[in-house]
Protein backbone atom coordinates (compact mmCIF):
# COMPACT_ATOMS: atom_id res chain seq x y z
CA MET A 1 0.00 0.00 0.00
CA ALA A 2 1.37 3.41 -0.92
CA ALA A 3 1.64 6.10 1.71
CA VAL A 4 0.83 9.67 0.85
CA LEU A 5 2.00 12.04 3.53
CA ALA A 6 0.13 15.31 3.59
CA GLU A 7 0.87 18.20 5.88
CA GLY A 8 -1.53 21.02 6.74
CA SER A 9 -0.54 24.65 6.85
CA ALA A 10 -0.12 26.37 10.18
CA GLY A 11 -2.76 28.98 9.35
CA GLY A 12 -5.87 26.82 8.81
CA ALA A 13 -8.71 26.17 11.23
CA GLU A 14 -8.88 22.68 12.75
CA SER A 15 -12.66 22.44 12.35
CA GLU A 16 -12.39 23.05 8.58
CA ALA A 17 -9.64 20.41 8.24
CA ALA A 18 -11.79 17.87 10.09
CA ALA A 19 -14.64 18.25 7.61
CA VAL A 20 -12.62 18.08 4.38
CA PRO A 21 -10.21 15.24 3.50
CA PRO A 22 -6.88 16.37 2.04
CA MET A 23 -7.68 14.67 -1.31
CA ALA A 24 -10.97 13.75 -2.94
CA GLY A 25 -12.21 10.19 -2.41
CA LEU A 26 -10.41 9.46 0.86
CA GLU A 27 -12.13 7.94 3.89
CA MET A 28 -10.92 8.77 7.40
CA VAL A 29 -9.68 5.67 9.23
CA GLN A 30 -8.37 7.14 12.48
CA GLN A 31 -7.60 10.45 14.19
CA GLY A 32 -4.82 10.92 16.67
CA ALA A 33 -3.36 13.88 18.54
CA GLU A 34 -1.03 14.86 15.69
CA ALA A 35 -2.77 13.74 12.49
CA ARG A 36 -5.73 12.17 10.74
CA VAL A 37 -5.21 8.98 8.72
CA TYR A 38 -7.21 8.39 5.53
CA ARG A 39 -7.54 5.40 3.18
CA GLY A 40 -8.39 5.54 -0.51
CA LEU A 41 -6.91 5.47 -4.01
CA PHE A 42 -4.18 7.68 -5.44
CA LEU A 43 -3.29 7.24 -9.12
CA GLY A 44 -5.14 3.91 -9.03
CA ARG A 45 -3.11 2.49 -6.12
CA PRO A 46 -4.40 1.70 -2.62
CA THR A 47 -3.22 4.59 -0.47
CA VAL A 48 -2.88 5.70 3.12
CA ALA A 49 -2.79 9.49 3.55
CA LYS A 50 -1.71 11.19 6.75
CA HIS A 51 -2.87 14.76 7.26
CA ARG A 52 -1.00 16.56 10.00
CA PHE A 53 -3.10 19.40 11.33
CA PRO A 54 -1.62 22.46 13.06
CA LYS A 55 -1.82 23.08 16.77
CA ARG A 56 -3.05 26.60 17.40
CA TYR A 57 -1.28 26.86 20.75
CA ARG A 58 2.16 26.43 19.14
CA HIS A 59 4.12 29.21 17.50
CA PRO A 60 3.83 28.80 13.69
CA LEU A 61 7.60 28.43 13.22
CA LEU A 62 7.80 25.74 15.89
CA GLU A 63 4.77 24.00 14.39
CA GLU A 64 6.38 23.97 10.94
CA ARG A 65 9.71 22.68 12.27
CA LEU A 66 8.09 19.88 14.29
CA SER A 67 5.86 18.78 11.40
CA ARG A 68 8.76 18.79 8.96
CA ARG A 69 10.98 16.74 11.29
CA ARG A 70 8.26 14.22 12.10
CA THR A 71 7.38 13.74 8.43
CA ALA A 72 11.05 13.29 7.49
CA GLN A 73 11.58 10.82 10.34
CA GLU A 74 8.53 8.85 9.26
CA ALA A 75 9.85 8.63 5.69
CA ARG A 76 13.28 7.50 6.98
CA SER A 77 11.62 4.84 9.16
CA LEU A 78 9.63 3.47 6.21
CA LEU A 79 12.79 3.33 4.10
CA CYS A 80 14.70 1.59 6.90
CA CYS A 81 11.95 -1.03 7.19
CA ARG A 82 12.00 -1.69 3.45
CA ARG A 83 15.79 -2.05 3.44
CA ALA A 84 15.54 -4.56 6.30
CA GLY A 85 13.13 -6.65 4.23
CA LYS A 86 10.02 -5.71 6.19
CA GLU A 87 6.78 -4.85 4.44
CA ALA A 88 6.29 -1.08 4.43
CA GLU A 89 4.46 1.48 2.34
CA ASP A 90 6.08 3.45 -0.46
CA TRP A 91 6.40 7.14 0.28
CA LEU A 92 4.97 8.84 -2.79
CA TRP A 93 4.24 12.45 -2.06
CA LYS A 94 4.30 15.19 0.51
CA ALA A 95 1.90 18.08 0.09
CA VAL A 96 2.16 21.31 2.00
CA GLY A 97 -1.25 22.99 1.91
């Protein structure tokens, strides 16, 4: 299954992000403290999309830095798993909205 990592901008409202998936045709699977996880199709492939939403109580620069680091670490972890022979998603795309 392909992973599509999507990051929200620090200026959006959380209630708006909850109502609208980051891409058309995605179904929300789970919501955590840092992100919402969606399942669907992207370019005809089964896809998992992770939408990181901003925390209003954090300074926008800190929010951006934390989101960027967490997304990069997640991509490195998926790559490490694949290199070790474990089944892991392909990292296809990162959108900054």
